[in-house]
Amino acid sequence: MKKYISLNLILFIVFLTGTILSIFIIYKDIDTSFSLKLITGYVIYLLLYGIFIIAMVIANMRKLNWIQIRKRVFTLIIWFIFISVAHYLVFYILNKKMDVWDLGVPLATSLGLSFSDLMFKKKKTKKLVVSLMNDKD
C-alpha cells in the first residue's frame, strides 16, 4: 500500500510540474522545438494519467456496496443539476447560445466531486478493525 501512495504522489508531482511549465511556456509564447516536444509529451502524459485515475476509481468502486454506490450516484445527480443550472444561468446572462456539448463541463465536474475520493482510498485491513474492536472492550 505504501508503494501505491508514493506512486500516486510522484505522478501528481509530475502532473503539477508539467502544468506549471506548460502554463509558463504558453504565457511567455516560447516557440522552440523543445517547448513543442514538452507540451506534446505533457498532453500524452495527461491522457495516460487520466486513464490511470479512471482505472483507480473503478478498481476502488468495485469494493463498495450497493448502498454506497447509490449514494454516490444520487450525489452525482444533485451536483449535475445544480452545476447545470448555474452554467445555464451564466450563458443566459451573457446572451450566449448553449449547445448540448456545453453540459460536458457540469457532468465532468459532478463526476469529479462525487467520485474523487476513490482515487486515493486506502484498503482497510481486518487487523485494524479487530484491534479497534478489542480497544473498546
N, C-alpha and C. Protein backbone atom coordinates (compact mmCIF):
# COMPACT_ATOMS: atom_id res chain seq x y z
N MET A 1 0.83 -1.19 0.00
CA MET A 1 0.00 0.00 0.00
C MET A 1 0.87 1.25 0.00
N LYS A 2 2.01 1.19 0.68
CA LYS A 2 2.91 2.33 0.73
C LYS A 2 3.44 2.66 -0.67
N LYS A 3 3.70 1.62 -1.49
CA LYS A 3 4.19 1.85 -2.85
C LYS A 3 3.13 2.55 -3.69
N TYR A 4 1.85 2.18 -3.49
CA TYR A 4 0.76 2.79 -4.24
C TYR A 4 0.65 4.28 -3.92
N ILE A 5 0.75 4.64 -2.64
CA ILE A 5 0.63 6.04 -2.23
C ILE A 5 1.81 6.84 -2.78
N SER A 6 3.02 6.28 -2.72
CA SER A 6 4.18 7.02 -3.23
C SER A 6 4.12 7.15 -4.75
N LEU A 7 3.64 6.12 -5.45
CA LEU A 7 3.48 6.21 -6.90
C LEU A 7 2.48 7.28 -7.27
N ASN A 8 1.37 7.31 -6.57
CA ASN A 8 0.35 8.32 -6.84
C ASN A 8 0.88 9.71 -6.54
N LEU A 9 1.65 9.86 -5.49
CA LEU A 9 2.24 11.16 -5.14
C LEU A 9 3.24 11.61 -6.20
N ILE A 10 4.07 10.69 -6.68
CA ILE A 10 5.05 11.03 -7.73
C ILE A 10 4.33 11.44 -9.01
N LEU A 11 3.28 10.69 -9.40
CA LEU A 11 2.52 11.04 -10.61
C LEU A 11 1.87 12.40 -10.47
N PHE A 12 1.36 12.72 -9.28
CA PHE A 12 0.74 14.02 -9.08
C PHE A 12 1.76 15.15 -9.12
N ILE A 13 2.95 14.92 -8.58
CA ILE A 13 4.00 15.95 -8.62
C ILE A 13 4.44 16.20 -10.06
N VAL A 14 4.56 15.13 -10.86
CA VAL A 14 4.89 15.29 -12.28
C VAL A 14 3.78 16.06 -12.99
N PHE A 15 2.52 15.77 -12.66
CA PHE A 15 1.39 16.49 -13.24
C PHE A 15 1.44 17.97 -12.90
N LEU A 16 1.69 18.28 -11.64
CA LEU A 16 1.75 19.67 -11.20
C LEU A 16 2.91 20.42 -11.86
N THR A 17 4.07 19.79 -11.92
CA THR A 17 5.24 20.41 -12.56
C THR A 17 4.99 20.64 -14.05
N GLY A 18 4.43 19.66 -14.72
CA GLY A 18 4.12 19.81 -16.14
C GLY A 18 3.10 20.90 -16.40
N THR A 19 2.13 21.01 -15.51
CA THR A 19 1.12 22.07 -15.66
C THR A 19 1.76 23.44 -15.52
N ILE A 20 2.60 23.61 -14.54
CA ILE A 20 3.27 24.91 -14.32
C ILE A 20 4.16 25.25 -15.51
N LEU A 21 4.94 24.27 -15.97
CA LEU A 21 5.81 24.51 -17.13
C LEU A 21 5.00 24.83 -18.39
N SER A 22 3.93 24.10 -18.60
CA SER A 22 3.10 24.35 -19.79
C SER A 22 2.46 25.74 -19.76
N ILE A 23 1.97 26.13 -18.59
CA ILE A 23 1.38 27.46 -18.47
C ILE A 23 2.43 28.53 -18.72
N PHE A 24 3.62 28.34 -18.19
CA PHE A 24 4.70 29.29 -18.40
C PHE A 24 5.07 29.38 -19.89
N ILE A 25 5.21 28.24 -20.56
CA ILE A 25 5.56 28.22 -21.99
C ILE A 25 4.49 28.90 -22.82
N ILE A 26 3.24 28.62 -22.52
CA ILE A 26 2.15 29.22 -23.30
C ILE A 26 2.03 30.72 -22.99
N TYR A 27 2.16 31.11 -21.73
CA TYR A 27 2.03 32.51 -21.35
C TYR A 27 3.14 33.36 -21.95
N LYS A 28 4.37 32.86 -21.93
CA LYS A 28 5.51 33.61 -22.47
C LYS A 28 5.65 33.44 -23.98
N ASP A 29 4.81 32.61 -24.58
CA ASP A 29 4.80 32.36 -26.03
C ASP A 29 6.18 31.91 -26.52
N ILE A 30 6.72 30.92 -25.83
CA ILE A 30 8.01 30.34 -26.20
C ILE A 30 7.78 29.36 -27.34
N ASP A 31 8.44 29.60 -28.47
CA ASP A 31 8.20 28.78 -29.66
C ASP A 31 9.51 28.13 -30.11
N THR A 32 9.88 27.07 -29.42
CA THR A 32 11.06 26.31 -29.80
C THR A 32 10.66 24.86 -29.99
N SER A 33 11.55 24.08 -30.57
CA SER A 33 11.23 22.67 -30.78
C SER A 33 11.14 21.93 -29.45
N PHE A 34 11.97 22.33 -28.46
CA PHE A 34 11.92 21.70 -27.15
C PHE A 34 10.58 21.96 -26.46
N SER A 35 10.08 23.19 -26.56
CA SER A 35 8.82 23.52 -25.90
C SER A 35 7.66 22.77 -26.57
N LEU A 36 7.73 22.59 -27.89
CA LEU A 36 6.69 21.83 -28.59
C LEU A 36 6.71 20.37 -28.14
N LYS A 37 7.92 19.80 -28.01
CA LYS A 37 8.05 18.42 -27.54
C LYS A 37 7.57 18.29 -26.09
N LEU A 38 7.88 19.29 -25.28
CA LEU A 38 7.46 19.26 -23.88
C LEU A 38 5.94 19.30 -23.77
N ILE A 39 5.31 20.18 -24.51
CA ILE A 39 3.85 20.30 -24.48
C ILE A 39 3.21 19.02 -25.02
N THR A 40 3.75 18.47 -26.10
CA THR A 40 3.21 17.23 -26.68
C THR A 40 3.35 16.08 -25.68
N GLY A 41 4.49 15.97 -25.05
CA GLY A 41 4.70 14.94 -24.03
C GLY A 41 3.77 15.12 -22.85
N TYR A 42 3.53 16.36 -22.48
CA TYR A 42 2.63 16.65 -21.36
C TYR A 42 1.20 16.24 -21.69
N VAL A 43 0.76 16.50 -22.91
CA VAL A 43 -0.60 16.12 -23.31
C VAL A 43 -0.74 14.59 -23.30
N ILE A 44 0.28 13.89 -23.79
CA ILE A 44 0.26 12.42 -23.75
C ILE A 44 0.24 11.94 -22.29
N TYR A 45 1.04 12.57 -21.44
CA TYR A 45 1.05 12.23 -20.02
C TYR A 45 -0.32 12.47 -19.39
N LEU A 46 -0.98 13.57 -19.74
CA LEU A 46 -2.31 13.85 -19.21
C LEU A 46 -3.29 12.75 -19.58
N LEU A 47 -3.23 12.29 -20.82
CA LEU A 47 -4.13 11.21 -21.25
C LEU A 47 -3.86 9.93 -20.46
N LEU A 48 -2.60 9.56 -20.32
CA LEU A 48 -2.25 8.35 -19.59
C LEU A 48 -2.58 8.48 -18.09
N TYR A 49 -2.33 9.64 -17.52
CA TYR A 49 -2.65 9.87 -16.12
C TYR A 49 -4.17 9.83 -15.89
N GLY A 50 -4.92 10.38 -16.84
CA GLY A 50 -6.38 10.32 -16.76
C GLY A 50 -6.89 8.88 -16.80
N ILE A 51 -6.30 8.06 -17.67
CA ILE A 51 -6.69 6.65 -17.73
C ILE A 51 -6.34 5.95 -16.42
N PHE A 52 -5.17 6.26 -15.85
CA PHE A 52 -4.76 5.68 -14.57
C PHE A 52 -5.74 6.06 -13.46
N ILE A 53 -6.13 7.33 -13.41
CA ILE A 53 -7.05 7.80 -12.38
C ILE A 53 -8.40 7.11 -12.53
N ILE A 54 -8.90 7.01 -13.76
CA ILE A 54 -10.19 6.34 -14.00
C ILE A 54 -10.11 4.87 -13.59
N ALA A 55 -8.99 4.22 -13.90
CA ALA A 55 -8.82 2.82 -13.52
C ALA A 55 -8.81 2.67 -12.00
N MET A 56 -8.17 3.60 -11.29
CA MET A 56 -8.14 3.52 -9.83
C MET A 56 -9.53 3.74 -9.23
N VAL A 57 -10.28 4.66 -9.80
CA VAL A 57 -11.64 4.90 -9.31
C VAL A 57 -12.50 3.65 -9.53
N ILE A 58 -12.41 3.05 -10.71
CA ILE A 58 -13.20 1.85 -10.99
C ILE A 58 -12.77 0.70 -10.09
N ALA A 59 -11.47 0.53 -9.88
CA ALA A 59 -11.00 -0.54 -9.00
C ALA A 59 -11.48 -0.35 -7.57
N ASN A 60 -11.45 0.87 -7.08
CA ASN A 60 -11.91 1.13 -5.72
C ASN A 60 -13.44 1.13 -5.62
N MET A 61 -14.12 1.43 -6.71
CA MET A 61 -15.58 1.43 -6.70
C MET A 61 -16.12 0.01 -6.63
N ARG A 62 -15.37 -0.94 -7.15
CA ARG A 62 -15.80 -2.33 -7.10
C ARG A 62 -15.87 -2.84 -5.67
N LYS A 63 -15.16 -2.20 -4.76
CA LYS A 63 -15.14 -2.62 -3.35
C LYS A 63 -16.32 -2.07 -2.55
N LEU A 64 -17.07 -1.13 -3.14
CA LEU A 64 -18.19 -0.52 -2.44
C LEU A 64 -19.42 -1.41 -2.52
N ASN A 65 -20.29 -1.28 -1.53
CA ASN A 65 -21.56 -2.00 -1.62
C ASN A 65 -22.59 -1.14 -2.37
N TRP A 66 -23.75 -1.74 -2.64
CA TRP A 66 -24.74 -1.05 -3.47
C TRP A 66 -25.29 0.22 -2.83
N ILE A 67 -25.38 0.23 -1.53
CA ILE A 67 -25.91 1.42 -0.85
C ILE A 67 -24.95 2.60 -1.04
N GLN A 68 -23.66 2.35 -0.92
CA GLN A 68 -22.67 3.42 -1.11
C GLN A 68 -22.66 3.89 -2.56
N ILE A 69 -22.80 2.96 -3.50
CA ILE A 69 -22.83 3.35 -4.92
C ILE A 69 -24.07 4.19 -5.21
N ARG A 70 -25.22 3.79 -4.65
CA ARG A 70 -26.45 4.56 -4.84
C ARG A 70 -26.32 5.97 -4.27
N LYS A 71 -25.70 6.10 -3.11
CA LYS A 71 -25.49 7.43 -2.51
C LYS A 71 -24.62 8.29 -3.41
N ARG A 72 -23.57 7.70 -3.99
CA ARG A 72 -22.69 8.46 -4.87
C ARG A 72 -23.39 8.86 -6.16
N VAL A 73 -24.22 7.97 -6.70
CA VAL A 73 -24.97 8.31 -7.91
C VAL A 73 -25.98 9.42 -7.62
N PHE A 74 -26.62 9.35 -6.46
CA PHE A 74 -27.55 10.41 -6.07
C PHE A 74 -26.82 11.74 -5.92
N THR A 75 -25.63 11.71 -5.30
CA THR A 75 -24.81 12.91 -5.17
C THR A 75 -24.42 13.43 -6.55
N LEU A 76 -24.07 12.53 -7.46
CA LEU A 76 -23.72 12.92 -8.83
C LEU A 76 -24.89 13.64 -9.50
N ILE A 77 -26.09 13.11 -9.36
CA ILE A 77 -27.26 13.72 -9.99
C ILE A 77 -27.54 15.10 -9.40
N ILE A 78 -27.47 15.22 -8.08
CA ILE A 78 -27.71 16.52 -7.43
C ILE A 78 -26.69 17.55 -7.87
N TRP A 79 -25.41 17.18 -7.85
CA TRP A 79 -24.36 18.11 -8.29
C TRP A 79 -24.54 18.49 -9.76
N PHE A 80 -24.88 17.51 -10.60
CA PHE A 80 -25.05 17.78 -12.02
C PHE A 80 -26.19 18.77 -12.26
N ILE A 81 -27.29 18.58 -11.58
CA ILE A 81 -28.42 19.51 -11.73
C ILE A 81 -28.03 20.91 -11.26
N PHE A 82 -27.41 21.00 -10.10
CA PHE A 82 -27.02 22.30 -9.55
C PHE A 82 -26.03 23.02 -10.47
N ILE A 83 -24.99 22.32 -10.91
CA ILE A 83 -23.97 22.96 -11.75
C ILE A 83 -24.53 23.27 -13.14
N SER A 84 -25.42 22.42 -13.67
CA SER A 84 -26.02 22.69 -14.97
C SER A 84 -26.90 23.93 -14.94
N VAL A 85 -27.66 24.09 -13.87
CA VAL A 85 -28.50 25.28 -13.74
C VAL A 85 -27.62 26.53 -13.64
N ALA A 86 -26.56 26.46 -12.85
CA ALA A 86 -25.64 27.60 -12.74
C ALA A 86 -24.99 27.90 -14.09
N HIS A 87 -24.60 26.85 -14.80
CA HIS A 87 -23.99 27.01 -16.12
C HIS A 87 -24.98 27.64 -17.11
N TYR A 88 -26.23 27.17 -17.07
CA TYR A 88 -27.26 27.73 -17.94
C TYR A 88 -27.52 29.20 -17.61
N LEU A 89 -27.55 29.55 -16.33
CA LEU A 89 -27.78 30.94 -15.94
C LEU A 89 -26.65 31.85 -16.43
N VAL A 90 -25.41 31.38 -16.36
CA VAL A 90 -24.29 32.17 -16.85
C VAL A 90 -24.43 32.39 -18.36
N PHE A 91 -24.80 31.36 -19.10
CA PHE A 91 -24.99 31.50 -20.53
C PHE A 91 -26.16 32.42 -20.84
N TYR A 92 -27.21 32.35 -20.03
CA TYR A 92 -28.38 33.21 -20.24
C TYR A 92 -28.03 34.67 -19.97
N ILE A 93 -27.27 34.93 -18.92
CA ILE A 93 -26.88 36.31 -18.58
C ILE A 93 -25.97 36.88 -19.64
N LEU A 94 -25.07 36.07 -20.18
CA LEU A 94 -24.14 36.54 -21.21
C LEU A 94 -24.72 36.53 -22.62
N ASN A 95 -25.98 36.13 -22.73
CA ASN A 95 -26.69 36.07 -24.02
C ASN A 95 -25.96 35.20 -25.05
N LYS A 96 -25.48 34.06 -24.59
CA LYS A 96 -24.83 33.12 -25.50
C LYS A 96 -25.73 31.92 -25.71
N LYS A 97 -25.57 31.29 -26.87
CA LYS A 97 -26.36 30.11 -27.17
C LYS A 97 -25.69 28.89 -26.54
N MET A 98 -26.49 28.03 -25.93
CA MET A 98 -25.96 26.85 -25.26
C MET A 98 -26.24 25.62 -26.09
N ASP A 99 -25.20 24.81 -26.32
CA ASP A 99 -25.35 23.56 -27.05
C ASP A 99 -25.42 22.39 -26.07
N VAL A 100 -25.72 21.23 -26.60
CA VAL A 100 -25.74 20.02 -25.77
C VAL A 100 -24.34 19.72 -25.24
N TRP A 101 -23.32 20.02 -26.03
CA TRP A 101 -21.94 19.73 -25.64
C TRP A 101 -21.48 20.59 -24.47
N ASP A 102 -22.18 21.68 -24.21
CA ASP A 102 -21.82 22.53 -23.08
C ASP A 102 -22.15 21.90 -21.74
N LEU A 103 -22.88 20.80 -21.73
CA LEU A 103 -23.17 20.10 -20.49
C LEU A 103 -22.04 19.16 -20.08
N GLY A 104 -20.99 19.09 -20.87
CA GLY A 104 -19.84 18.24 -20.54
C GLY A 104 -19.09 18.74 -19.32
N VAL A 105 -18.97 20.04 -19.19
CA VAL A 105 -18.27 20.61 -18.04
C VAL A 105 -19.02 20.32 -16.74
N PRO A 106 -20.34 20.57 -16.66
CA PRO A 106 -21.04 20.20 -15.43
C PRO A 106 -21.01 18.70 -15.13
N LEU A 107 -21.06 17.87 -16.17
CA LEU A 107 -21.01 16.42 -15.95
C LEU A 107 -19.65 16.00 -15.41
N ALA A 108 -18.58 16.50 -16.01
CA ALA A 108 -17.24 16.15 -15.54
C ALA A 108 -16.99 16.67 -14.13
N THR A 109 -17.45 17.87 -13.84
CA THR A 109 -17.27 18.43 -12.50
C THR A 109 -18.05 17.63 -11.47
N SER A 110 -19.27 17.27 -11.78
CA SER A 110 -20.06 16.49 -10.82
C SER A 110 -19.50 15.08 -10.65
N LEU A 111 -18.97 14.48 -11.71
CA LEU A 111 -18.30 13.19 -11.58
C LEU A 111 -17.09 13.30 -10.67
N GLY A 112 -16.31 14.36 -10.86
CA GLY A 112 -15.15 14.57 -10.02
C GLY A 112 -15.51 14.78 -8.56
N LEU A 113 -16.55 15.55 -8.31
CA LEU A 113 -16.97 15.80 -6.93
C LEU A 113 -17.53 14.55 -6.26
N SER A 114 -18.19 13.70 -7.02
CA SER A 114 -18.83 12.53 -6.45
C SER A 114 -17.87 11.36 -6.22
N PHE A 115 -16.90 11.20 -7.11
CA PHE A 115 -16.06 10.01 -7.06
C PHE A 115 -14.57 10.29 -6.82
N SER A 116 -14.19 11.53 -6.55
CA SER A 116 -12.77 11.86 -6.46
C SER A 116 -12.07 11.22 -5.26
N ASP A 117 -12.80 10.95 -4.19
CA ASP A 117 -12.15 10.35 -3.03
C ASP A 117 -11.77 8.89 -3.28
N LEU A 118 -12.32 8.27 -4.31
CA LEU A 118 -11.98 6.88 -4.61
C LEU A 118 -10.62 6.75 -5.28
N MET A 119 -10.04 7.85 -5.73
CA MET A 119 -8.72 7.78 -6.35
C MET A 119 -7.65 7.41 -5.33
N PHE A 120 -7.83 7.84 -4.10
CA PHE A 120 -6.80 7.69 -3.09
C PHE A 120 -7.26 6.85 -1.90
N LYS A 121 -8.33 6.09 -2.07
CA LYS A 121 -8.89 5.32 -0.97
C LYS A 121 -7.94 4.21 -0.56
N LYS A 122 -7.74 4.10 0.74
CA LYS A 122 -6.85 3.07 1.27
C LYS A 122 -7.67 1.83 1.62
N LYS A 123 -7.02 0.69 1.55
CA LYS A 123 -7.66 -0.55 1.94
C LYS A 123 -7.73 -0.62 3.46
N LYS A 124 -8.86 -1.09 3.96
CA LYS A 124 -8.97 -1.33 5.39
C LYS A 124 -8.64 -2.80 5.63
N THR A 125 -7.74 -3.03 6.55
CA THR A 125 -7.38 -4.40 6.83
C THR A 125 -8.20 -4.92 8.00
N LYS A 126 -8.35 -6.22 8.05
CA LYS A 126 -9.12 -6.82 9.14
C LYS A 126 -8.40 -6.66 10.47
N LYS A 127 -7.07 -6.61 10.45
CA LYS A 127 -6.32 -6.45 11.68
C LYS A 127 -6.64 -5.13 12.36
N LEU A 128 -6.80 -4.07 11.57
CA LEU A 128 -7.13 -2.76 12.13
C LEU A 128 -8.51 -2.78 12.76
N VAL A 129 -9.46 -3.39 12.10
CA VAL A 129 -10.82 -3.47 12.63
C VAL A 129 -10.86 -4.28 13.91
N VAL A 130 -10.13 -5.41 13.91
CA VAL A 130 -10.10 -6.25 15.10
C VAL A 130 -9.43 -5.53 16.27
N SER A 131 -8.33 -4.82 16.00
CA SER A 131 -7.67 -4.10 17.08
C SER A 131 -8.52 -2.96 17.62
N LEU A 132 -9.30 -2.32 16.76
CA LEU A 132 -10.18 -1.26 17.23
C LEU A 132 -11.31 -1.84 18.08
N MET A 133 -11.80 -3.02 17.70
CA MET A 133 -12.86 -3.65 18.48
C MET A 133 -12.35 -4.10 19.83
N ASN A 134 -11.11 -4.56 19.89
CA ASN A 134 -10.54 -5.00 21.16
C ASN A 134 -10.25 -3.82 22.10
N ASP A 135 -9.96 -2.67 21.55
CA ASP A 135 -9.69 -1.48 22.36
C ASP A 135 -10.95 -0.99 23.07
N LYS A 136 -12.11 -1.22 22.47
CA LYS A 136 -13.36 -0.76 23.08
C LYS A 136 -13.72 -1.58 24.33
N ASP A 137 -13.28 -2.82 24.36
CA ASP A 137 -13.62 -3.71 25.48
C ASP A 137 -12.88 -3.38 26.70
